[in-house]
Amino acid sequence: MDLEQHNHEQIEALNQRGGRTLSIVDLIRSGTLSVEMAACAVRAMAEGASLLTGARPGGAGKTTLMAALLHLLSPGTRIVTVDRPGAIAEALARPAEPACYLAHEIGAGHWFGYIWGRSVADYLSLIEGPRRVASCLHADTLEELTGILCSPPLGASREALGRVGLVLFMHVRPGPRGLRHRVAAFHEADGRGGHRLAFQWNERSDTFERVGGLRDPAGLTPYTSLIQRLVDTGVAESVAVRREVLTFHTGVAPS
């Protein structure tokens, strides 16, 4: 099995609700996030960012968002699902290699891919060089997420949390045509051990507002062009989006 097929299967295992796994283009079209936010996410993932998504209620879309963002991983990165605590220790004992260690959820349930307790601190310590992590948990704000991760019984360090490149929160609210699933807060690592709020959702106007200036706006332009082209041309199925991302990075269409 080649790397891309392996990674596709790991992402598909996140889909517990049936139907097609949604892509970043699907989420833009449904109003979950903006083209500019997606472009920032593509750039961050290309730069090796780790990822946490949060939402307190179940069904808000935190796992769906995480799955869509995993399709934006840089080429050559292998997804390794953390299906048992020993997998973390084994990874820490090996030299760091291009891999994204995926935990289905940071939660206390005894389900496939869930981690809890001191394993969470070890999990976040995996972030080093080409090694990254991706997971989600029940939290609505950065403060709530920090309190969960950095307090007993988890006890992760704030330094380790500061190495997570992207922290995004989903909110779900009633709308005129049903429930609205929105990325309510989009945080990026600030390079100083913390995070800065880059985008937030204005619930009243149902729009996304940029908070402060963009990091290197000129460098973001190619990523914005990629996402806008996918939206404009109707490329939405997750495998097709992944092919376009790989072509964007390598200049060669996958065979």
Foldseek 3Di string as FASTA:
>chain_A
DDQVVQLVVVLVVLDPPDDAQWAPLNCCVLLQDHLLLQLVLLVCLQVQFAEEEEAQDPPLCRSSVLSNSSLSHAPPEHEAQCFDLVVLVVLVVDPDDQYEYEQAAADDDPDGRYHYFCSLQSVLVQDDDNYYYYYYYYDADPVRVCCRCCDPRHNHDLQSVLRRAWYWYWDWDADPVGIRIYRAWIWGRPVPSRIDTQWGADVVVSDIDGDDDDDPVVVSVVSSVLSVVCNVVVPIRSVSNSQSSNCSNPVDGDD
